[in-house]
């Protein structure tokens, strides 16, 4: 009975390991799409509908549609009160009939029409990036950031959020974090090795005090590499690792489980994880 339990546990966790990344990836994408659709695209789509109604003659509300909508208004106390407020205008009824026709048409063909909101959102983000990328836009953006940093609650949250977004998406080319290579350093003390990312040279005064060339190294934390420690070490005390930045980040995020292909030990099982031979006590 014991081998059955062991096999069940082993295959269950193996299946969980295989399926969980795919399931989480799909869930994150669906959640992100739902957030964008609900919070950004839908309000934009509603604005597009109002623009169509106010700045065009489409859809055309024939007299039959206006009469049908008038009956709906007379049966609804709220709509009837709004109609009376407008002075019983026929044009108000015609606009309401057009709005009703457009909403019904939108409900009948939801997917292609909802894409309008997404397309408009992408265009607006592009325009915002182009405007803020200019000299005047950059100054306005910096001024807005200065105002945000004076608000008590926001100034504690905004810098951390900005660091994460700049790390993931990448901000301005002049301010974007650039990693040159992956190195191993003895940190936080001699005999303990940490994988770090070289961001560049260090301050001139540090080089002068150490009397040798030093490097600035970012030590990412596990499992979230967005945070970590910045240290300055002599270049001679670093060991350059022949792995990519992505491989180093995967190694950190996984807690050291995912080793780079070029750095895996010859045996399939690490010596630390090998089971010690059992000995029979006398």
C-alpha atoms as a PDB file:
ATOM      1  CA  UNK A   1       0.000   0.000   0.000  1.00  0.00           C
ATOM      2  CA  UNK A   2       2.912   2.347   0.730  1.00  0.00           C
ATOM      3  CA  UNK A   3       4.290   2.328  -2.870  1.00  0.00           C
ATOM      4  CA  UNK A   4       0.841   3.338  -4.182  1.00  0.00           C
ATOM      5  CA  UNK A   5       0.790   6.375  -1.907  1.00  0.00           C
ATOM      6  CA  UNK A   6       4.315   7.327  -2.888  1.00  0.00           C
ATOM      7  CA  UNK A   7       3.530   6.988  -6.595  1.00  0.00           C
ATOM      8  CA  UNK A   8       0.346   9.048  -6.205  1.00  0.00           C
ATOM      9  CA  UNK A   9       2.231  11.817  -4.438  1.00  0.00           C
ATOM     10  CA  UNK A  10       5.050  11.784  -6.974  1.00  0.00           C
ATOM     11  CA  UNK A  11       2.790  11.842 -10.044  1.00  0.00           C
ATOM     12  CA  UNK A  12       0.439  14.383  -8.470  1.00  0.00           C
ATOM     13  CA  UNK A  13       3.220  16.879  -7.817  1.00  0.00           C
ATOM     14  CA  UNK A  14       4.735  16.126 -11.212  1.00  0.00           C
ATOM     15  CA  UNK A  15       1.406  16.946 -12.879  1.00  0.00           C
ATOM     16  CA  UNK A  16       1.061  20.033 -10.708  1.00  0.00           C
ATOM     17  CA  UNK A  17       4.529  21.179 -11.705  1.00  0.00           C
ATOM     18  CA  UNK A  18       3.748  20.705 -15.397  1.00  0.00           C
ATOM     19  CA  UNK A  19       0.264  22.236 -15.434  1.00  0.00           C
ATOM     20  CA  UNK A  20       0.536  25.036 -12.874  1.00  0.00           C
ATOM     21  CA  UNK A  21       2.793  27.382 -14.914  1.00  0.00           C
ATOM     22  CA  UNK A  22       0.502  27.113 -17.947  1.00  0.00           C
ATOM     23  CA  UNK A  23      -2.651  27.572 -15.873  1.00  0.00           C
ATOM     24  CA  UNK A  24      -1.220  30.576 -14.032  1.00  0.00           C
ATOM     25  CA  UNK A  25      -0.016  32.133 -17.285  1.00  0.00           C
ATOM     26  CA  UNK A  26      -3.451  31.792 -18.890  1.00  0.00           C
ATOM     27  CA  UNK A  27      -5.131  33.091 -15.724  1.00  0.00           C
ATOM     28  CA  UNK A  28      -2.870  36.147 -15.572  1.00  0.00           C
ATOM     29  CA  UNK A  29      -3.488  36.937 -19.252  1.00  0.00           C
ATOM     30  CA  UNK A  30      -7.265  36.547 -18.853  1.00  0.00           C
ATOM     31  CA  UNK A  31      -7.270  38.673 -15.691  1.00  0.00           C
ATOM     32  CA  UNK A  32      -5.184  41.361 -17.395  1.00  0.00           C
ATOM     33  CA  UNK A  33      -7.473  41.351 -20.444  1.00  0.00           C
ATOM     34  CA  UNK A  34     -10.565  41.556 -18.218  1.00  0.00           C
ATOM     35  CA  UNK A  35      -9.100  44.477 -16.269  1.00  0.00           C
ATOM     36  CA  UNK A  36      -8.200  46.389 -19.430  1.00  0.00           C
ATOM     37  CA  UNK A  37     -11.562  45.575 -21.015  1.00  0.00           C
ATOM     38  CA  UNK A  38     -13.622  46.590 -17.970  1.00  0.00           C
ATOM     39  CA  UNK A  39     -11.658  49.584 -16.685  1.00  0.00           C
ATOM     40  CA  UNK A  40     -10.311  51.061 -19.928  1.00  0.00           C
ATOM     41  CA  UNK A  41     -11.953  49.671 -23.066  1.00  0.00           C
ATOM     42  CA  UNK A  42     -15.586  49.738 -21.913  1.00  0.00           C
ATOM     43  CA  UNK A  43     -15.550  53.414 -20.838  1.00  0.00           C
ATOM     44  CA  UNK A  44     -13.874  54.293 -24.127  1.00  0.00           C
ATOM     45  CA  UNK A  45     -16.480  52.270 -26.046  1.00  0.00           C
ATOM     46  CA  UNK A  46     -19.248  54.136 -24.197  1.00  0.00           C
ATOM     47  CA  UNK A  47     -17.626  57.417 -25.168  1.00  0.00           C
ATOM     48  CA  UNK A  48     -17.403  56.295 -28.791  1.00  0.00           C
ATOM     49  CA  UNK A  49     -21.133  55.488 -28.750  1.00  0.00           C
ATOM     50  CA  UNK A  50     -21.960  58.959 -27.442  1.00  0.00           C
ATOM     51  CA  UNK A  51     -19.732  60.557 -30.088  1.00  0.00           C
ATOM     52  CA  UNK A  52     -21.517  58.573 -32.802  1.00  0.00           C
ATOM     53  CA  UNK A  53     -24.868  59.773 -31.485  1.00  0.00           C
ATOM     54  CA  UNK A  54     -23.902  63.431 -31.081  1.00  0.00           C
ATOM     55  CA  UNK A  55     -21.700  63.978 -34.129  1.00  0.00           C
ATOM     56  CA  UNK A  56     -23.359  61.864 -36.830  1.00  0.00           C
ATOM     57  CA  UNK A  57     -26.805  61.049 -38.224  1.00  0.00           C
ATOM     58  CA  UNK A  58     -26.262  57.306 -37.908  1.00  0.00           C
ATOM     59  CA  UNK A  59     -28.136  55.197 -37.040  1.00  0.00           C
ATOM     60  CA  UNK A  60     -31.198  56.732 -38.655  1.00  0.00           C
ATOM     61  CA  UNK A  61     -34.242  56.563 -36.378  1.00  0.00           C
ATOM     62  CA  UNK A  62     -37.334  56.248 -38.556  1.00  0.00           C
ATOM     63  CA  UNK A  63     -40.687  57.447 -37.248  1.00  0.00           C
ATOM     64  CA  UNK A  64     -41.718  53.913 -36.324  1.00  0.00           C
ATOM     65  CA  UNK A  65     -38.711  53.584 -33.981  1.00  0.00           C
ATOM     66  CA  UNK A  66     -39.458  56.975 -32.443  1.00  0.00           C
ATOM     67  CA  UNK A  67     -43.065  55.999 -31.708  1.00  0.00           C
ATOM     68  CA  UNK A  68     -41.936  52.711 -30.149  1.00  0.00           C
ATOM     69  CA  UNK A  69     -39.441  54.531 -27.953  1.00  0.00           C
ATOM     70  CA  UNK A  70     -42.100  57.061 -26.966  1.00  0.00           C
ATOM     71  CA  UNK A  71     -44.239  54.243 -25.588  1.00  0.00           C
ATOM     72  CA  UNK A  72     -41.212  52.997 -23.611  1.00  0.00           C
ATOM     73  CA  UNK A  73     -40.679  56.457 -22.165  1.00  0.00           C
ATOM     74  CA  UNK A  74     -44.337  56.803 -21.149  1.00  0.00           C
ATOM     75  CA  UNK A  75     -44.111  53.476 -19.271  1.00  0.00           C
ATOM     76  CA  UNK A  76     -40.920  54.459 -17.417  1.00  0.00           C
ATOM     77  CA  UNK A  77     -41.377  57.201 -14.768  1.00  0.00           C
ATOM     78  CA  UNK A  78     -37.712  58.208 -14.823  1.00  0.00           C
ATOM     79  CA  UNK A  79     -37.492  58.527 -18.604  1.00  0.00           C
ATOM     80  CA  UNK A  80     -40.873  60.254 -18.686  1.00  0.00           C
ATOM     81  CA  UNK A  81     -39.678  62.850 -16.155  1.00  0.00           C
ATOM     82  CA  UNK A  82     -36.540  63.483 -18.242  1.00  0.00           C
ATOM     83  CA  UNK A  83     -38.661  63.876 -21.356  1.00  0.00           C
ATOM     84  CA  UNK A  84     -40.929  66.361 -19.621  1.00  0.00           C
ATOM     85  CA  UNK A  85     -37.880  68.276 -18.411  1.00  0.00           C
ATOM     86  CA  UNK A  86     -36.786  68.635 -22.045  1.00  0.00           C
ATOM     87  CA  UNK A  87     -40.175  70.159 -22.819  1.00  0.00           C
ATOM     88  CA  UNK A  88     -41.583  67.059 -24.499  1.00  0.00           C
ATOM     89  CA  UNK A  89     -39.156  67.530 -27.364  1.00  0.00           C
ATOM     90  CA  UNK A  90     -39.521  65.261 -30.367  1.00  0.00           C
ATOM     91  CA  UNK A  91     -35.810  65.561 -30.981  1.00  0.00           C
ATOM     92  CA  UNK A  92     -35.167  64.172 -27.476  1.00  0.00           C
ATOM     93  CA  UNK A  93     -37.262  61.124 -28.384  1.00  0.00           C
ATOM     94  CA  UNK A  94     -35.416  60.738 -31.686  1.00  0.00           C
ATOM     95  CA  UNK A  95     -32.029  60.857 -29.953  1.00  0.00           C
ATOM     96  CA  UNK A  96     -33.218  58.312 -27.385  1.00  0.00           C
ATOM     97  CA  UNK A  97     -34.479  56.012 -30.153  1.00  0.00           C
ATOM     98  CA  UNK A  98     -31.117  56.263 -31.903  1.00  0.00           C
ATOM     99  CA  UNK A  99     -29.310  55.481 -28.642  1.00  0.00           C
ATOM    100  CA  UNK A 100     -31.535  52.438 -28.117  1.00  0.00           C
ATOM    101  CA  UNK A 101     -30.873  51.225 -31.676  1.00  0.00           C
ATOM    102  CA  UNK A 102     -27.128  51.698 -31.270  1.00  0.00           C
ATOM    103  CA  UNK A 103     -27.040  49.853 -27.913  1.00  0.00           C
ATOM    104  CA  UNK A 104     -29.002  46.937 -29.375  1.00  0.00           C
ATOM    105  CA  UNK A 105     -26.662  46.810 -32.345  1.00  0.00           C
ATOM    106  CA  UNK A 106     -23.676  46.899 -29.955  1.00  0.00           C
ATOM    107  CA  UNK A 107     -25.161  44.020 -27.941  1.00  0.00           C
ATOM    108  CA  UNK A 108     -25.700  41.982 -31.103  1.00  0.00           C
ATOM    109  CA  UNK A 109     -22.076  42.358 -32.252  1.00  0.00           C
ATOM    110  CA  UNK A 110     -20.136  42.792 -28.978  1.00  0.00           C
ATOM    111  CA  UNK A 111     -16.687  41.419 -29.782  1.00  0.00           C
ATOM    112  CA  UNK A 112     -15.686  43.431 -32.880  1.00  0.00           C
ATOM    113  CA  UNK A 113     -17.158  46.609 -31.417  1.00  0.00           C
ATOM    114  CA  UNK A 114     -15.468  46.194 -28.038  1.00  0.00           C
ATOM    115  CA  UNK A 115     -12.171  46.044 -29.902  1.00  0.00           C
ATOM    116  CA  UNK A 116     -12.735  49.699 -30.720  1.00  0.00           C
ATOM    117  CA  UNK A 117     -12.095  50.527 -27.074  1.00  0.00           C
ATOM    118  CA  UNK A 118      -8.889  48.479 -27.026  1.00  0.00           C
ATOM    119  CA  UNK A 119      -7.629  50.064 -30.250  1.00  0.00           C
ATOM    120  CA  UNK A 120      -8.403  53.556 -28.969  1.00  0.00           C
ATOM    121  CA  UNK A 121      -6.652  52.720 -25.653  1.00  0.00           C
ATOM    122  CA  UNK A 122      -3.518  51.581 -27.505  1.00  0.00           C
ATOM    123  CA  UNK A 123      -3.545  54.729 -29.651  1.00  0.00           C
ATOM    124  CA  UNK A 124      -3.988  56.954 -26.574  1.00  0.00           C
ATOM    125  CA  UNK A 125      -1.096  55.232 -24.782  1.00  0.00           C
ATOM    126  CA  UNK A 126       1.082  55.733 -27.878  1.00  0.00           C
ATOM    127  CA  UNK A 127       0.113  59.405 -28.100  1.00  0.00           C
ATOM    128  CA  UNK A 128       0.808  59.861 -24.376  1.00  0.00           C
ATOM    129  CA  UNK A 129       4.247  58.282 -24.807  1.00  0.00           C
ATOM    130  CA  UNK A 130       5.011  60.513 -27.792  1.00  0.00           C
ATOM    131  CA  UNK A 131       3.874  63.675 -25.985  1.00  0.00           C
ATOM    132  CA  UNK A 132       5.660  62.875 -22.724  1.00  0.00           C
ATOM    133  CA  UNK A 133       8.783  61.960 -24.681  1.00  0.00           C
ATOM    134  CA  UNK A 134       9.148  65.518 -25.922  1.00  0.00           C
ATOM    135  CA  UNK A 135      11.017  68.215 -24.024  1.00  0.00           C
ATOM    136  CA  UNK A 136       7.888  70.007 -22.818  1.00  0.00           C
ATOM    137  CA  UNK A 137       6.126  66.731 -22.019  1.00  0.00           C
ATOM    138  CA  UNK A 138       9.083  65.490 -19.982  1.00  0.00           C
ATOM    139  CA  UNK A 139       9.128  68.680 -17.919  1.00  0.00           C
ATOM    140  CA  UNK A 140       5.373  68.440 -17.353  1.00  0.00           C
ATOM    141  CA  UNK A 141       5.755  64.773 -16.318  1.00  0.00           C
ATOM    142  CA  UNK A 142       8.532  65.610 -13.864  1.00  0.00           C
ATOM    143  CA  UNK A 143       6.426  68.420 -12.458  1.00  0.00           C
ATOM    144  CA  UNK A 144       3.508  66.034 -11.984  1.00  0.00           C
ATOM    145  CA  UNK A 145       5.779  63.552 -10.213  1.00  0.00           C
ATOM    146  CA  UNK A 146       6.970  66.296  -7.865  1.00  0.00           C
ATOM    147  CA  UNK A 147       3.367  67.078  -6.969  1.00  0.00           C
ATOM    148  CA  UNK A 148       2.613  63.387  -6.337  1.00  0.00           C
ATOM    149  CA  UNK A 149       5.645  63.062  -4.084  1.00  0.00           C
ATOM    150  CA  UNK A 150       4.223  65.777  -1.816  1.00  0.00           C
ATOM    151  CA  UNK A 151       1.040  63.809  -1.104  1.00  0.00           C
ATOM    152  CA  UNK A 152       1.553  61.827   2.155  1.00  0.00           C
ATOM    153  CA  UNK A 153       0.115  58.434   1.178  1.00  0.00           C
ATOM    154  CA  UNK A 154       1.079  58.410  -2.487  1.00  0.00           C
ATOM    155  CA  UNK A 155       4.724  59.288  -1.889  1.00  0.00           C
ATOM    156  CA  UNK A 156       5.189  56.055   0.091  1.00  0.00           C
ATOM    157  CA  UNK A 157       3.696  53.882  -2.684  1.00  0.00           C
ATOM    158  CA  UNK A 158       4.511  55.597  -5.982  1.00  0.00           C
ATOM    159  CA  UNK A 159       8.340  55.231  -5.940  1.00  0.00           C
ATOM    160  CA  UNK A 160       8.154  51.452  -5.378  1.00  0.00           C
ATOM    161  CA  UNK A 161       5.535  51.004  -8.117  1.00  0.00           C
ATOM    162  CA  UNK A 162       7.606  53.113 -10.510  1.00  0.00           C
ATOM    163  CA  UNK A 163      10.721  51.053  -9.814  1.00  0.00           C
ATOM    164  CA  UNK A 164       8.854  47.824 -10.591  1.00  0.00           C
ATOM    165  CA  UNK A 165       7.341  49.166 -13.818  1.00  0.00           C
ATOM    166  CA  UNK A 166      10.686  50.600 -14.944  1.00  0.00           C
ATOM    167  CA  UNK A 167      12.333  47.238 -14.208  1.00  0.00           C
ATOM    168  CA  UNK A 168       9.695  45.228 -16.136  1.00  0.00           C
ATOM    169  CA  UNK A 169       8.723  47.571 -18.967  1.00  0.00           C
ATOM    170  CA  UNK A 170      11.746  49.839 -19.101  1.00  0.00           C
ATOM    171  CA  UNK A 171      11.527  53.562 -18.767  1.00  0.00           C
ATOM    172  CA  UNK A 172      13.427  56.253 -20.577  1.00  0.00           C
ATOM    173  CA  UNK A 173      16.521  55.003 -22.385  1.00  0.00           C
ATOM    174  CA  UNK A 174      18.679  57.303 -20.270  1.00  0.00           C
ATOM    175  CA  UNK A 175      17.184  56.014 -17.011  1.00  0.00           C
ATOM    176  CA  UNK A 176      16.570  52.396 -17.932  1.00  0.00           C
ATOM    177  CA  UNK A 177      18.368  49.825 -15.820  1.00  0.00           C
ATOM    178  CA  UNK A 178      20.982  48.109 -17.975  1.00  0.00           C
ATOM    179  CA  UNK A 179      22.747  44.928 -16.905  1.00  0.00           C
ATOM    180  CA  UNK A 180      26.062  44.242 -18.590  1.00  0.00           C
ATOM    181  CA  UNK A 181      26.933  40.722 -17.416  1.00  0.00           C
ATOM    182  CA  UNK A 182      26.327  38.126 -14.742  1.00  0.00           C
ATOM    183  CA  UNK A 183      28.931  37.612 -12.024  1.00  0.00           C
ATOM    184  CA  UNK A 184      29.341  35.674  -8.812  1.00  0.00           C
ATOM    185  CA  UNK A 185      30.561  37.511  -5.730  1.00  0.00           C
ATOM    186  CA  UNK A 186      31.286  36.441  -2.184  1.00  0.00           C
ATOM    187  CA  UNK A 187      28.360  38.155  -0.483  1.00  0.00           C
ATOM    188  CA  UNK A 188      27.220  38.756   2.263  1.00  0.00           C
ATOM    189  CA  UNK A 189      30.491  37.337   3.591  1.00  0.00           C
ATOM    190  CA  UNK A 190      33.516  35.364   2.474  1.00  0.00           C
ATOM    191  CA  UNK A 191      32.640  31.788   1.600  1.00  0.00           C
ATOM    192  CA  UNK A 192      29.018  32.559   0.609  1.00  0.00           C
ATOM    193  CA  UNK A 193      28.522  33.127  -3.103  1.00  0.00           C
ATOM    194  CA  UNK A 194      25.720  35.200  -4.627  1.00  0.00           C
ATOM    195  CA  UNK A 195      24.736  35.674  -8.259  1.00  0.00           C
ATOM    196  CA  UNK A 196      24.682  39.344  -9.221  1.00  0.00           C
ATOM    197  CA  UNK A 197      24.113  41.548 -12.242  1.00  0.00           C
ATOM    198  CA  UNK A 198      26.714  44.142 -13.184  1.00  0.00           C
ATOM    199  CA  UNK A 199      25.134  47.552 -13.790  1.00  0.00           C
ATOM    200  CA  UNK A 200      28.373  49.366 -14.592  1.00  0.00           C
ATOM    201  CA  UNK A 201      31.331  51.100 -13.015  1.00  0.00           C
ATOM    202  CA  UNK A 202      31.104  52.592  -9.556  1.00  0.00           C
ATOM    203  CA  UNK A 203      31.783  56.042  -8.119  1.00  0.00           C
ATOM    204  CA  UNK A 204      35.164  57.593  -8.742  1.00  0.00           C
ATOM    205  CA  UNK A 205      35.912  58.172  -5.046  1.00  0.00           C
ATOM    206  CA  UNK A 206      35.335  54.490  -4.269  1.00  0.00           C
ATOM    207  CA  UNK A 207      37.806  53.514  -6.990  1.00  0.00           C
ATOM    208  CA  UNK A 208      40.340  55.937  -5.557  1.00  0.00           C
ATOM    209  CA  UNK A 209      39.938  54.645  -2.009  1.00  0.00           C
ATOM    210  CA  UNK A 210      40.159  50.981  -3.017  1.00  0.00           C
ATOM    211  CA  UNK A 211      43.058  51.740  -5.394  1.00  0.00           C
ATOM    212  CA  UNK A 212      41.646  49.314  -7.942  1.00  0.00           C
ATOM    213  CA  UNK A 213      38.798  49.176 -10.414  1.00  0.00           C
ATOM    214  CA  UNK A 214      35.451  48.378  -8.822  1.00  0.00           C
ATOM    215  CA  UNK A 215      32.067  47.378 -10.226  1.00  0.00           C
ATOM    216  CA  UNK A 216      28.525  48.116  -9.134  1.00  0.00           C
ATOM    217  CA  UNK A 217      26.619  44.846  -8.789  1.00  0.00           C
ATOM    218  CA  UNK A 218      22.918  44.388  -8.166  1.00  0.00           C
ATOM    219  CA  UNK A 219      22.109  41.282  -6.090  1.00  0.00           C
ATOM    220  CA  UNK A 220      18.462  40.370  -6.832  1.00  0.00           C
ATOM    221  CA  UNK A 221      16.411  38.784  -4.072  1.00  0.00           C
ATOM    222  CA  UNK A 222      14.413  35.570  -4.396  1.00  0.00           C
ATOM    223  CA  UNK A 223      11.693  34.971  -5.495  1.00  0.00           C
ATOM    224  CA  UNK A 224      11.020  38.594  -6.562  1.00  0.00           C
ATOM    225  CA  UNK A 225      14.063  39.989  -8.391  1.00  0.00           C
ATOM    226  CA  UNK A 226      12.585  43.504  -8.445  1.00  0.00           C
ATOM    227  CA  UNK A 227      14.170  44.133  -5.057  1.00  0.00           C
ATOM    228  CA  UNK A 228      17.654  43.365  -3.815  1.00  0.00           C
ATOM    229  CA  UNK A 229      20.923  44.948  -2.772  1.00  0.00           C
ATOM    230  CA  UNK A 230      23.408  47.155  -4.603  1.00  0.00           C
ATOM    231  CA  UNK A 231      27.024  46.508  -3.680  1.00  0.00           C
ATOM    232  CA  UNK A 232      30.384  47.713  -4.920  1.00  0.00           C
ATOM    233  CA  UNK A 233      33.135  45.122  -5.230  1.00  0.00           C
ATOM    234  CA  UNK A 234      36.608  45.068  -6.769  1.00  0.00           C
ATOM    235  CA  UNK A 235      36.526  43.674 -10.278  1.00  0.00           C
ATOM    236  CA  UNK A 236      39.161  41.088  -9.357  1.00  0.00           C
ATOM    237  CA  UNK A 237      36.844  39.697  -6.659  1.00  0.00           C
ATOM    238  CA  UNK A 238      34.117  38.833  -9.165  1.00  0.00           C
ATOM    239  CA  UNK A 239      33.755  35.679 -11.210  1.00  0.00           C
ATOM    240  CA  UNK A 240      32.171  36.195 -14.614  1.00  0.00           C
ATOM    241  CA  UNK A 241      29.489  33.568 -15.252  1.00  0.00           C
ATOM    242  CA  UNK A 242      28.915  32.459 -18.877  1.00  0.00           C
ATOM    243  CA  UNK A 243      25.130  32.737 -18.619  1.00  0.00           C
ATOM    244  CA  UNK A 244      22.573  35.232 -19.886  1.00  0.00           C
ATOM    245  CA  UNK A 245      20.636  37.774 -17.834  1.00  0.00           C
ATOM    246  CA  UNK A 246      17.421  35.780 -18.323  1.00  0.00           C
ATOM    247  CA  UNK A 247      19.073  32.603 -17.054  1.00  0.00           C
ATOM    248  CA  UNK A 248      20.332  34.433 -13.978  1.00  0.00           C
ATOM    249  CA  UNK A 249      16.862  35.827 -13.246  1.00  0.00           C
ATOM    250  CA  UNK A 250      15.254  32.393 -13.682  1.00  0.00           C
ATOM    251  CA  UNK A 251      17.835  30.968 -11.287  1.00  0.00           C
ATOM    252  CA  UNK A 252      16.952  33.645  -8.710  1.00  0.00           C
ATOM    253  CA  UNK A 253      13.177  33.457  -9.118  1.00  0.00           C
ATOM    254  CA  UNK A 254      13.177  29.665  -8.775  1.00  0.00           C
ATOM    255  CA  UNK A 255      15.277  29.810  -5.626  1.00  0.00           C
ATOM    256  CA  UNK A 256      18.179  28.093  -7.360  1.00  0.00           C
ATOM    257  CA  UNK A 257      16.102  25.180  -8.666  1.00  0.00           C
ATOM    258  CA  UNK A 258      16.368  26.115 -12.367  1.00  0.00           C
ATOM    259  CA  UNK A 259      20.040  25.920 -13.258  1.00  0.00           C
ATOM    260  CA  UNK A 260      21.369  27.292 -16.555  1.00  0.00           C
ATOM    261  CA  UNK A 261      21.911  24.516 -19.094  1.00  0.00           C
ATOM    262  CA  UNK A 262      25.627  25.232 -19.342  1.00  0.00           C
ATOM    263  CA  UNK A 263      26.084  25.119 -15.543  1.00  0.00           C
ATOM    264  CA  UNK A 264      24.270  21.895 -14.681  1.00  0.00           C
ATOM    265  CA  UNK A 265      26.352  19.202 -12.967  1.00  0.00           C
ATOM    266  CA  UNK A 266      27.203  16.072 -14.974  1.00  0.00           C
ATOM    267  CA  UNK A 267      24.929  13.836 -12.919  1.00  0.00           C
ATOM    268  CA  UNK A 268      21.157  14.271 -13.135  1.00  0.00           C
ATOM    269  CA  UNK A 269      20.918  14.547  -9.374  1.00  0.00           C
ATOM    270  CA  UNK A 270      22.803  17.015  -7.258  1.00  0.00           C
ATOM    271  CA  UNK A 271      25.235  15.422  -4.776  1.00  0.00           C
ATOM    272  CA  UNK A 272      23.509  17.306  -1.966  1.00  0.00           C
ATOM    273  CA  UNK A 273      20.156  15.737  -2.823  1.00  0.00           C
ATOM    274  CA  UNK A 274      21.427  12.213  -3.200  1.00  0.00           C
ATOM    275  CA  UNK A 275      20.128   9.780  -0.634  1.00  0.00           C
ATOM    276  CA  UNK A 276      22.730   8.527   1.775  1.00  0.00           C
ATOM    277  CA  UNK A 277      23.193   4.745   1.882  1.00  0.00           C
ATOM    278  CA  UNK A 278      21.278   3.067   4.631  1.00  0.00           C
ATOM    279  CA  UNK A 279      23.210   1.196   7.272  1.00  0.00           C
ATOM    280  CA  UNK A 280      21.845  -1.520   9.461  1.00  0.00           C
ATOM    281  CA  UNK A 281      22.485  -0.933  13.082  1.00  0.00           C
ATOM    282  CA  UNK A 282      23.664  -3.970  15.002  1.00  0.00           C
END
